[in-house]
Amino acid sequence: MVSKRIRFEVFKRGGFKCQYCGRTPPEVILEIDHVIPKAAGGQENINNYITACFDCNRGKGSVKLESVPASLQDNIAQLKERRRQLKAYNKFLRELQEETEEAIEQVNRVFNKYFQDYQLSDSFRNNTLKRFLSHLPGAKLCEAMDNACSQFINMGTNGWISRRAIQYFCGICWNWIKDPDSRHW
């Protein structure tokens, strides 16, 4: 006896339609059929079950299927393709995250070249720099940080001056975002 949960999973996998004739409820009553009949040594497991209507299941009887119905093969192929695409998408996201983190670290190194005793805050790195990176390449952010810091380095290297340099950096980036023609790249 197949459990209700397994029966439902097989029906769901089959799109709630007979894999032989394609009919669906309420036109037909669906049942679970064995791809390889029990009489031919078929196992009692979800991989050996298929959705069939009452008429097709009774008509087939214990005849062994020579091949899996095309719709089930299509479902398997689609699931494999989805899995392949999901793996590729996750890999792309990881690579993008690594590139973002590297660009943020490069901007931080430029800042530290001028203000060795100060660090960009985690909030600034994770929010502001990521937002800028969604509009500008990392090299442009490094250029903006270099320009901003060089404007203030002659005033000293205290916390107030470093904050002014960061504000100036943000202004440069926002101007480039608002006016793409001013970027000159």
N, C-alpha and C. Protein backbone atom coordinates (compact mmCIF):
# COMPACT_ATOMS: atom_id res chain seq x y z
N MET A 1 0.85 -1.19 0.00
CA MET A 1 0.00 0.00 0.00
C MET A 1 0.89 1.24 0.00
N VAL A 2 0.65 2.14 -0.92
CA VAL A 2 1.42 3.38 -1.05
C VAL A 2 0.82 4.42 -0.12
N SER A 3 1.68 5.10 0.64
CA SER A 3 1.19 6.13 1.58
C SER A 3 0.60 7.31 0.81
N LYS A 4 -0.24 8.07 1.50
CA LYS A 4 -0.87 9.24 0.88
C LYS A 4 0.19 10.26 0.47
N ARG A 5 1.21 10.41 1.28
CA ARG A 5 2.26 11.37 0.99
C ARG A 5 2.99 10.99 -0.29
N ILE A 6 3.37 9.73 -0.43
CA ILE A 6 4.08 9.26 -1.63
C ILE A 6 3.16 9.39 -2.85
N ARG A 7 1.90 9.00 -2.67
CA ARG A 7 0.93 9.08 -3.76
C ARG A 7 0.84 10.54 -4.26
N PHE A 8 0.74 11.47 -3.32
CA PHE A 8 0.64 12.88 -3.68
C PHE A 8 1.90 13.34 -4.41
N GLU A 9 3.08 12.92 -3.94
CA GLU A 9 4.34 13.32 -4.59
C GLU A 9 4.39 12.78 -6.03
N VAL A 10 3.92 11.56 -6.23
CA VAL A 10 3.92 10.98 -7.58
C VAL A 10 2.93 11.75 -8.47
N PHE A 11 1.76 12.06 -7.94
CA PHE A 11 0.77 12.83 -8.70
C PHE A 11 1.33 14.22 -9.04
N LYS A 12 1.98 14.86 -8.07
CA LYS A 12 2.55 16.19 -8.27
C LYS A 12 3.65 16.12 -9.34
N ARG A 13 4.52 15.13 -9.24
CA ARG A 13 5.59 14.96 -10.23
C ARG A 13 5.00 14.78 -11.62
N GLY A 14 3.89 14.10 -11.72
CA GLY A 14 3.24 13.85 -13.00
C GLY A 14 2.30 14.95 -13.44
N GLY A 15 2.26 16.04 -12.70
CA GLY A 15 1.40 17.16 -13.07
C GLY A 15 -0.08 16.86 -12.91
N PHE A 16 -0.42 15.90 -12.05
CA PHE A 16 -1.79 15.49 -11.80
C PHE A 16 -2.52 15.11 -13.10
N LYS A 17 -1.77 14.40 -13.96
CA LYS A 17 -2.41 13.88 -15.19
C LYS A 17 -1.85 12.50 -15.49
N CYS A 18 -2.65 11.73 -16.17
CA CYS A 18 -2.25 10.38 -16.56
C CYS A 18 -1.07 10.49 -17.51
N GLN A 19 -0.01 9.77 -17.22
CA GLN A 19 1.19 9.83 -18.04
C GLN A 19 1.05 9.04 -19.34
N TYR A 20 -0.05 8.29 -19.48
CA TYR A 20 -0.29 7.54 -20.70
C TYR A 20 -1.20 8.30 -21.66
N CYS A 21 -2.33 8.80 -21.15
CA CYS A 21 -3.31 9.44 -22.03
C CYS A 21 -3.41 10.95 -21.83
N GLY A 22 -2.86 11.48 -20.73
CA GLY A 22 -2.86 12.91 -20.50
C GLY A 22 -4.12 13.47 -19.85
N ARG A 23 -5.10 12.60 -19.56
CA ARG A 23 -6.33 13.11 -18.94
C ARG A 23 -6.09 13.45 -17.48
N THR A 24 -6.93 14.36 -16.97
CA THR A 24 -6.80 14.85 -15.61
C THR A 24 -8.13 14.77 -14.89
N PRO A 25 -8.09 14.82 -13.55
CA PRO A 25 -9.34 14.89 -12.79
C PRO A 25 -10.06 16.20 -13.11
N PRO A 26 -11.34 16.26 -13.03
CA PRO A 26 -12.28 15.25 -12.55
C PRO A 26 -12.71 14.27 -13.62
N GLU A 27 -12.18 14.42 -14.85
CA GLU A 27 -12.54 13.52 -15.94
C GLU A 27 -12.19 12.06 -15.63
N VAL A 28 -11.08 11.87 -14.90
CA VAL A 28 -10.63 10.52 -14.57
C VAL A 28 -10.21 10.46 -13.11
N ILE A 29 -10.12 9.27 -12.58
CA ILE A 29 -9.57 9.04 -11.25
C ILE A 29 -8.14 8.58 -11.44
N LEU A 30 -7.23 9.27 -10.74
CA LEU A 30 -5.81 8.92 -10.87
C LEU A 30 -5.42 7.84 -9.89
N GLU A 31 -4.46 7.03 -10.33
CA GLU A 31 -3.91 5.96 -9.50
C GLU A 31 -2.39 5.98 -9.65
N ILE A 32 -1.76 5.16 -8.84
CA ILE A 32 -0.32 4.97 -8.94
C ILE A 32 -0.09 3.67 -9.69
N ASP A 33 0.78 3.73 -10.70
CA ASP A 33 1.13 2.54 -11.47
C ASP A 33 2.62 2.29 -11.30
N HIS A 34 3.02 1.07 -11.50
CA HIS A 34 4.43 0.71 -11.44
C HIS A 34 5.01 0.80 -12.84
N VAL A 35 6.15 1.48 -12.99
CA VAL A 35 6.83 1.53 -14.27
C VAL A 35 7.28 0.11 -14.62
N ILE A 36 7.95 -0.53 -13.68
CA ILE A 36 8.29 -1.96 -13.83
C ILE A 36 7.32 -2.69 -12.91
N PRO A 37 6.41 -3.51 -13.48
CA PRO A 37 5.40 -4.18 -12.66
C PRO A 37 6.01 -5.04 -11.55
N LYS A 38 5.28 -5.13 -10.45
CA LYS A 38 5.74 -5.97 -9.34
C LYS A 38 5.96 -7.40 -9.82
N ALA A 39 5.09 -7.87 -10.74
CA ALA A 39 5.20 -9.23 -11.26
C ALA A 39 6.50 -9.45 -12.02
N ALA A 40 7.10 -8.34 -12.52
CA ALA A 40 8.35 -8.44 -13.27
C ALA A 40 9.54 -8.03 -12.40
N GLY A 41 9.33 -7.95 -11.07
CA GLY A 41 10.41 -7.62 -10.16
C GLY A 41 10.52 -6.15 -9.82
N GLY A 42 9.51 -5.35 -10.20
CA GLY A 42 9.53 -3.92 -9.90
C GLY A 42 9.50 -3.64 -8.40
N GLN A 43 10.22 -2.63 -7.99
CA GLN A 43 10.33 -2.28 -6.57
C GLN A 43 9.17 -1.38 -6.13
N GLU A 44 8.93 -1.38 -4.84
CA GLU A 44 7.94 -0.49 -4.23
C GLU A 44 8.67 0.77 -3.76
N ASN A 45 8.98 1.66 -4.70
CA ASN A 45 9.59 2.94 -4.32
C ASN A 45 9.15 4.02 -5.28
N ILE A 46 9.30 5.25 -4.86
CA ILE A 46 8.77 6.39 -5.61
C ILE A 46 9.33 6.47 -7.02
N ASN A 47 10.55 5.99 -7.23
CA ASN A 47 11.15 6.04 -8.56
C ASN A 47 10.54 5.03 -9.52
N ASN A 48 9.79 4.08 -9.01
CA ASN A 48 9.14 3.08 -9.86
C ASN A 48 7.64 3.36 -10.00
N TYR A 49 7.18 4.49 -9.49
CA TYR A 49 5.76 4.84 -9.58
C TYR A 49 5.54 5.91 -10.63
N ILE A 50 4.38 5.84 -11.23
CA ILE A 50 3.97 6.80 -12.25
C ILE A 50 2.48 7.07 -12.06
N THR A 51 2.05 8.25 -12.47
CA THR A 51 0.64 8.60 -12.39
C THR A 51 -0.09 8.02 -13.59
N ALA A 52 -1.17 7.31 -13.34
CA ALA A 52 -1.98 6.72 -14.41
C ALA A 52 -3.46 6.85 -14.04
N CYS A 53 -4.31 6.96 -15.05
CA CYS A 53 -5.74 6.97 -14.76
C CYS A 53 -6.22 5.53 -14.59
N PHE A 54 -7.39 5.36 -14.03
CA PHE A 54 -7.95 4.04 -13.76
C PHE A 54 -7.97 3.19 -15.04
N ASP A 55 -8.47 3.78 -16.15
CA ASP A 55 -8.62 3.02 -17.40
C ASP A 55 -7.27 2.57 -17.95
N CYS A 56 -6.29 3.48 -18.00
CA CYS A 56 -4.98 3.12 -18.54
C CYS A 56 -4.27 2.11 -17.65
N ASN A 57 -4.38 2.28 -16.34
CA ASN A 57 -3.72 1.38 -15.42
C ASN A 57 -4.30 -0.03 -15.56
N ARG A 58 -5.61 -0.13 -15.67
CA ARG A 58 -6.24 -1.45 -15.82
C ARG A 58 -5.94 -2.04 -17.19
N GLY A 59 -5.84 -1.18 -18.21
CA GLY A 59 -5.56 -1.66 -19.57
C GLY A 59 -4.14 -2.17 -19.69
N LYS A 60 -3.22 -1.53 -18.99
CA LYS A 60 -1.82 -1.93 -19.05
C LYS A 60 -1.61 -3.23 -18.30
N GLY A 61 -2.24 -3.36 -17.16
CA GLY A 61 -2.08 -4.56 -16.34
C GLY A 61 -0.65 -4.71 -15.90
N SER A 62 -0.11 -5.91 -16.02
CA SER A 62 1.26 -6.17 -15.57
C SER A 62 2.25 -6.18 -16.72
N VAL A 63 1.88 -5.50 -17.82
CA VAL A 63 2.79 -5.41 -18.97
C VAL A 63 3.91 -4.43 -18.60
N LYS A 64 5.13 -4.84 -18.88
CA LYS A 64 6.29 -4.01 -18.57
C LYS A 64 6.41 -2.90 -19.61
N LEU A 65 6.66 -1.68 -19.14
CA LEU A 65 6.91 -0.57 -20.05
C LEU A 65 8.30 -0.73 -20.64
N GLU A 66 8.42 -0.58 -21.93
CA GLU A 66 9.73 -0.70 -22.55
C GLU A 66 10.57 0.57 -22.34
N SER A 67 9.86 1.68 -22.12
CA SER A 67 10.57 2.93 -21.83
C SER A 67 9.69 3.79 -20.94
N VAL A 68 10.31 4.72 -20.28
CA VAL A 68 9.58 5.65 -19.43
C VAL A 68 8.78 6.56 -20.35
N PRO A 69 7.53 6.85 -20.03
CA PRO A 69 6.74 7.75 -20.87
C PRO A 69 7.46 9.08 -21.09
N ALA A 70 7.25 9.64 -22.27
CA ALA A 70 7.96 10.85 -22.65
C ALA A 70 7.74 11.99 -21.65
N SER A 71 6.54 12.14 -21.13
CA SER A 71 6.29 13.25 -20.22
C SER A 71 7.11 13.11 -18.94
N LEU A 72 7.31 11.88 -18.47
CA LEU A 72 8.14 11.68 -17.28
C LEU A 72 9.60 11.96 -17.62
N GLN A 73 10.03 11.54 -18.79
CA GLN A 73 11.39 11.85 -19.23
C GLN A 73 11.58 13.35 -19.36
N ASP A 74 10.58 14.03 -19.89
CA ASP A 74 10.66 15.49 -20.00
C ASP A 74 10.77 16.13 -18.63
N ASN A 75 9.99 15.64 -17.66
CA ASN A 75 10.05 16.19 -16.31
C ASN A 75 11.44 16.01 -15.71
N ILE A 76 12.02 14.83 -15.90
CA ILE A 76 13.36 14.57 -15.38
C ILE A 76 14.36 15.49 -16.06
N ALA A 77 14.25 15.64 -17.37
CA ALA A 77 15.17 16.51 -18.10
C ALA A 77 15.02 17.96 -17.63
N GLN A 78 13.79 18.41 -17.40
CA GLN A 78 13.57 19.77 -16.92
C GLN A 78 14.16 19.96 -15.53
N LEU A 79 13.97 18.97 -14.66
CA LEU A 79 14.53 19.07 -13.31
C LEU A 79 16.05 19.13 -13.35
N LYS A 80 16.66 18.33 -14.21
CA LYS A 80 18.11 18.34 -14.34
C LYS A 80 18.58 19.70 -14.87
N GLU A 81 17.86 20.25 -15.83
CA GLU A 81 18.22 21.55 -16.39
C GLU A 81 18.07 22.64 -15.33
N ARG A 82 16.99 22.59 -14.56
CA ARG A 82 16.80 23.56 -13.47
C ARG A 82 17.95 23.48 -12.47
N ARG A 83 18.32 22.27 -12.11
CA ARG A 83 19.43 22.09 -11.16
C ARG A 83 20.73 22.64 -11.74
N ARG A 84 20.99 22.38 -13.04
CA ARG A 84 22.19 22.89 -13.68
C ARG A 84 22.19 24.42 -13.68
N GLN A 85 21.04 25.02 -14.01
CA GLN A 85 20.95 26.48 -14.03
C GLN A 85 21.09 27.07 -12.64
N LEU A 86 20.52 26.41 -11.63
CA LEU A 86 20.63 26.90 -10.26
C LEU A 86 22.08 26.86 -9.79
N LYS A 87 22.80 25.78 -10.12
CA LYS A 87 24.22 25.70 -9.77
C LYS A 87 25.00 26.82 -10.44
N ALA A 88 24.73 27.06 -11.71
CA ALA A 88 25.43 28.12 -12.44
C ALA A 88 25.10 29.49 -11.85
N TYR A 89 23.85 29.71 -11.50
CA TYR A 89 23.43 30.98 -10.92
C TYR A 89 24.09 31.19 -9.56
N ASN A 90 24.12 30.16 -8.74
CA ASN A 90 24.77 30.28 -7.42
C ASN A 90 26.26 30.54 -7.57
N LYS A 91 26.90 29.91 -8.55
CA LYS A 91 28.31 30.15 -8.80
C LYS A 91 28.52 31.61 -9.22
N PHE A 92 27.65 32.10 -10.09
CA PHE A 92 27.73 33.49 -10.52
C PHE A 92 27.58 34.44 -9.33
N LEU A 93 26.64 34.17 -8.44
CA LEU A 93 26.44 35.02 -7.26
C LEU A 93 27.67 35.01 -6.36
N ARG A 94 28.28 33.83 -6.16
CA ARG A 94 29.50 33.75 -5.36
C ARG A 94 30.63 34.56 -5.98
N GLU A 95 30.79 34.45 -7.30
CA GLU A 95 31.83 35.21 -7.99
C GLU A 95 31.58 36.70 -7.89
N LEU A 96 30.33 37.11 -8.03
CA LEU A 96 29.97 38.52 -7.91
C LEU A 96 30.27 39.03 -6.51
N GLN A 97 29.95 38.23 -5.50
CA GLN A 97 30.23 38.60 -4.11
C GLN A 97 31.74 38.74 -3.89
N GLU A 98 32.52 37.83 -4.44
CA GLU A 98 33.98 37.89 -4.30
C GLU A 98 34.53 39.14 -4.99
N GLU A 99 34.02 39.46 -6.18
CA GLU A 99 34.46 40.66 -6.89
C GLU A 99 34.10 41.92 -6.10
N THR A 100 32.91 41.94 -5.53
CA THR A 100 32.47 43.08 -4.73
C THR A 100 33.36 43.25 -3.52
N GLU A 101 33.64 42.15 -2.81
CA GLU A 101 34.49 42.22 -1.63
C GLU A 101 35.90 42.68 -1.98
N GLU A 102 36.43 42.22 -3.11
CA GLU A 102 37.76 42.63 -3.55
C GLU A 102 37.77 44.12 -3.89
N ALA A 103 36.74 44.61 -4.57
CA ALA A 103 36.67 46.03 -4.92
C ALA A 103 36.58 46.89 -3.65
N ILE A 104 35.80 46.45 -2.68
CA ILE A 104 35.69 47.18 -1.42
C ILE A 104 37.04 47.21 -0.71
N GLU A 105 37.75 46.10 -0.74
CA GLU A 105 39.06 46.05 -0.09
C GLU A 105 40.05 46.97 -0.81
N GLN A 106 39.97 47.07 -2.12
CA GLN A 106 40.85 47.97 -2.87
C GLN A 106 40.58 49.42 -2.49
N VAL A 107 39.30 49.79 -2.37
CA VAL A 107 38.96 51.16 -1.96
C VAL A 107 39.49 51.42 -0.55
N ASN A 108 39.36 50.43 0.32
CA ASN A 108 39.87 50.56 1.69
C ASN A 108 41.39 50.76 1.70
N ARG A 109 42.10 50.05 0.81
CA ARG A 109 43.56 50.20 0.74
C ARG A 109 43.95 51.61 0.29
N VAL A 110 43.19 52.17 -0.65
CA VAL A 110 43.45 53.55 -1.08
C VAL A 110 43.25 54.50 0.10
N PHE A 111 42.16 54.32 0.83
CA PHE A 111 41.88 55.17 1.99
C PHE A 111 43.01 55.04 3.01
N ASN A 112 43.45 53.82 3.28
CA ASN A 112 44.51 53.58 4.27
C ASN A 112 45.87 54.10 3.83
N LYS A 113 46.06 54.28 2.55
CA LYS A 113 47.30 54.87 2.05
C LYS A 113 47.45 56.30 2.59
N TYR A 114 46.31 56.99 2.74
CA TYR A 114 46.33 58.36 3.23
C TYR A 114 46.08 58.46 4.75
N PHE A 115 45.20 57.58 5.24
CA PHE A 115 44.80 57.64 6.65
C PHE A 115 45.05 56.27 7.28
N GLN A 116 46.30 56.01 7.61
CA GLN A 116 46.72 54.69 8.09
C GLN A 116 46.09 54.31 9.42
N ASP A 117 45.77 55.28 10.24
CA ASP A 117 45.25 54.99 11.58
C ASP A 117 43.73 54.84 11.61
N TYR A 118 43.08 54.93 10.45
CA TYR A 118 41.61 54.88 10.41
C TYR A 118 41.14 53.80 9.44
N GLN A 119 39.98 53.26 9.75
CA GLN A 119 39.37 52.21 8.91
C GLN A 119 38.00 52.68 8.44
N LEU A 120 37.64 52.26 7.26
CA LEU A 120 36.27 52.49 6.80
C LEU A 120 35.36 51.59 7.63
N SER A 121 34.25 52.12 8.11
CA SER A 121 33.36 51.33 8.97
C SER A 121 32.71 50.20 8.18
N ASP A 122 32.32 49.16 8.89
CA ASP A 122 31.62 48.04 8.25
C ASP A 122 30.34 48.52 7.58
N SER A 123 29.65 49.43 8.24
CA SER A 123 28.42 49.98 7.68
C SER A 123 28.69 50.68 6.35
N PHE A 124 29.74 51.49 6.31
CA PHE A 124 30.10 52.21 5.09
C PHE A 124 30.49 51.22 3.99
N ARG A 125 31.28 50.21 4.36
CA ARG A 125 31.73 49.22 3.39
C ARG A 125 30.55 48.42 2.83
N ASN A 126 29.66 47.96 3.73
CA ASN A 126 28.57 47.07 3.33
C ASN A 126 27.37 47.77 2.73
N ASN A 127 27.22 49.04 3.01
CA ASN A 127 26.06 49.76 2.47
C ASN A 127 26.47 50.74 1.38
N THR A 128 27.23 51.74 1.74
CA THR A 128 27.57 52.80 0.80
C THR A 128 28.42 52.28 -0.36
N LEU A 129 29.50 51.59 -0.05
CA LEU A 129 30.37 51.13 -1.14
C LEU A 129 29.66 50.12 -2.04
N LYS A 130 28.86 49.24 -1.47
CA LYS A 130 28.12 48.29 -2.31
C LYS A 130 27.12 49.01 -3.20
N ARG A 131 26.50 50.05 -2.67
CA ARG A 131 25.55 50.81 -3.48
C ARG A 131 26.30 51.48 -4.64
N PHE A 132 27.45 52.10 -4.34
CA PHE A 132 28.22 52.72 -5.41
C PHE A 132 28.69 51.69 -6.43
N LEU A 133 29.07 50.51 -5.97
CA LEU A 133 29.53 49.46 -6.88
C LEU A 133 28.42 48.95 -7.79
N SER A 134 27.19 49.17 -7.41
CA SER A 134 26.09 48.75 -8.30
C SER A 134 25.93 49.74 -9.46
N HIS A 135 26.61 50.90 -9.37
CA HIS A 135 26.52 51.91 -10.43
C HIS A 135 27.86 52.19 -11.11
N LEU A 136 28.94 51.98 -10.39
CA LEU A 136 30.28 52.33 -10.88
C LEU A 136 31.24 51.16 -10.72
N PRO A 137 32.21 51.05 -11.62
CA PRO A 137 33.21 49.98 -11.46
C PRO A 137 34.14 50.27 -10.29
N GLY A 138 34.72 49.23 -9.74
CA GLY A 138 35.61 49.36 -8.59
C GLY A 138 36.78 50.29 -8.85
N ALA A 139 37.32 50.28 -10.06
CA ALA A 139 38.45 51.15 -10.38
C ALA A 139 38.05 52.62 -10.26
N LYS A 140 36.82 52.96 -10.62
CA LYS A 140 36.36 54.34 -10.49
C LYS A 140 36.20 54.73 -9.02
N LEU A 141 35.78 53.79 -8.19
CA LEU A 141 35.68 54.08 -6.75
C LEU A 141 37.07 54.32 -6.17
N CYS A 142 38.04 53.55 -6.61
CA CYS A 142 39.42 53.77 -6.14
C CYS A 142 39.91 55.14 -6.59
N GLU A 143 39.61 55.50 -7.82
CA GLU A 143 40.00 56.81 -8.33
C GLU A 143 39.33 57.93 -7.52
N ALA A 144 38.05 57.76 -7.23
CA ALA A 144 37.32 58.77 -6.45
C ALA A 144 37.91 58.89 -5.04
N MET A 145 38.23 57.74 -4.42
CA MET A 145 38.80 57.77 -3.06
C MET A 145 40.18 58.43 -3.09
N ASP A 146 40.97 58.13 -4.10
CA ASP A 146 42.29 58.73 -4.22
C ASP A 146 42.16 60.26 -4.39
N ASN A 147 41.25 60.68 -5.25
CA ASN A 147 41.03 62.12 -5.45
C ASN A 147 40.57 62.79 -4.16
N ALA A 148 39.63 62.17 -3.48
CA ALA A 148 39.08 62.77 -2.25
C ALA A 148 40.14 62.87 -1.16
N CYS A 149 40.85 61.79 -0.93
CA CYS A 149 41.85 61.79 0.15
C CYS A 149 42.98 62.77 -0.15
N SER A 150 43.39 62.86 -1.41
CA SER A 150 44.49 63.77 -1.75
C SER A 150 44.11 65.23 -1.53
N GLN A 151 42.82 65.53 -1.56
CA GLN A 151 42.35 66.90 -1.32
C GLN A 151 42.52 67.31 0.14
N PHE A 152 42.52 66.34 1.05
CA PHE A 152 42.51 66.65 2.48
C PHE A 152 43.77 66.25 3.22
N ILE A 153 44.67 65.55 2.60
CA ILE A 153 45.84 65.02 3.30
C ILE A 153 46.73 66.14 3.84
N ASN A 154 46.78 67.27 3.17
CA ASN A 154 47.62 68.38 3.65
C ASN A 154 47.07 69.01 4.93
N MET A 155 45.84 68.69 5.30
CA MET A 155 45.23 69.23 6.52
C MET A 155 45.53 68.37 7.74
N GLY A 156 46.15 67.25 7.53
CA GLY A 156 46.45 66.35 8.64
C GLY A 156 45.80 65.00 8.42
N THR A 157 45.92 64.14 9.44
CA THR A 157 45.35 62.78 9.31
C THR A 157 44.47 62.45 10.50
N ASN A 158 43.79 63.44 11.07
CA ASN A 158 42.93 63.13 12.21
C ASN A 158 41.57 62.60 11.73
N GLY A 159 40.75 62.19 12.68
CA GLY A 159 39.45 61.60 12.38
C GLY A 159 38.52 62.55 11.64
N TRP A 160 38.55 63.83 12.02
CA TRP A 160 37.67 64.80 11.37
C TRP A 160 38.04 64.94 9.89
N ILE A 161 39.32 65.00 9.59
CA ILE A 161 39.79 65.14 8.21
C ILE A 161 39.45 63.88 7.40
N SER A 162 39.61 62.72 8.00
CA SER A 162 39.29 61.47 7.28
C SER A 162 37.80 61.40 6.96
N ARG A 163 36.97 61.88 7.89
CA ARG A 163 35.52 61.90 7.63
C ARG A 163 35.18 62.86 6.50
N ARG A 164 35.85 64.00 6.44
CA ARG A 164 35.64 64.97 5.36
C ARG A 164 36.04 64.34 4.02
N ALA A 165 37.13 63.61 4.02
CA ALA A 165 37.58 62.94 2.79
C ALA A 165 36.53 61.93 2.32
N ILE A 166 35.95 61.20 3.26
CA ILE A 166 34.91 60.22 2.91
C ILE A 166 33.69 60.94 2.36
N GLN A 167 33.31 62.05 2.96
CA GLN A 167 32.17 62.83 2.45
C GLN A 167 32.45 63.33 1.03
N TYR A 168 33.66 63.80 0.81
CA TYR A 168 34.03 64.28 -0.51
C TYR A 168 34.01 63.13 -1.52
N PHE A 169 34.50 61.97 -1.10
CA PHE A 169 34.45 60.76 -1.93
C PHE A 169 33.02 60.46 -2.34
N CYS A 170 32.10 60.50 -1.38
CA CYS A 170 30.69 60.22 -1.67
C CYS A 170 30.13 61.23 -2.67
N GLY A 171 30.52 62.49 -2.51
CA GLY A 171 30.07 63.52 -3.46
C GLY A 171 30.55 63.24 -4.87
N ILE A 172 31.81 62.86 -5.00
CA ILE A 172 32.36 62.52 -6.32
C ILE A 172 31.55 61.39 -6.94
N CYS A 173 31.32 60.33 -6.16
CA CYS A 173 30.60 59.16 -6.68
C CYS A 173 29.18 59.53 -7.08
N TRP A 174 28.48 60.27 -6.23
CA TRP A 174 27.10 60.65 -6.56
C TRP A 174 27.07 61.52 -7.82
N ASN A 175 28.02 62.42 -7.97
CA ASN A 175 28.06 63.24 -9.18
C ASN A 175 28.26 62.37 -10.42
N TRP A 176 29.15 61.38 -10.33
CA TRP A 176 29.36 60.48 -11.46
C TRP A 176 28.10 59.68 -11.77
N ILE A 177 27.40 59.26 -10.74
CA ILE A 177 26.18 58.48 -10.95
C ILE A 177 25.10 59.35 -11.58
N LYS A 178 24.94 60.57 -11.07
CA LYS A 178 23.89 61.47 -11.58
C LYS A 178 24.19 61.98 -12.98
N ASP A 179 25.44 62.20 -13.29
CA ASP A 179 25.83 62.76 -14.58
C ASP A 179 26.88 61.87 -15.23
N PRO A 180 26.44 60.85 -15.96
CA PRO A 180 27.40 59.92 -16.55
C PRO A 180 28.40 60.59 -17.48
N ASP A 181 28.06 61.73 -18.08
CA ASP A 181 28.97 62.43 -18.99
C ASP A 181 30.17 63.02 -18.25
N SER A 182 30.03 63.23 -16.93
CA SER A 182 31.12 63.83 -16.17
C SER A 182 32.18 62.80 -15.77
N ARG A 183 31.94 61.53 -16.07
CA ARG A 183 32.86 60.48 -15.64
C ARG A 183 34.16 60.47 -16.44
N HIS A 184 34.07 60.77 -17.73
CA HIS A 184 35.25 60.80 -18.60
C HIS A 184 36.02 59.48 -18.56
N TRP A 185 35.31 58.37 -18.78
CA TRP A 185 35.98 57.07 -18.89
C TRP A 185 35.37 56.33 -19.98
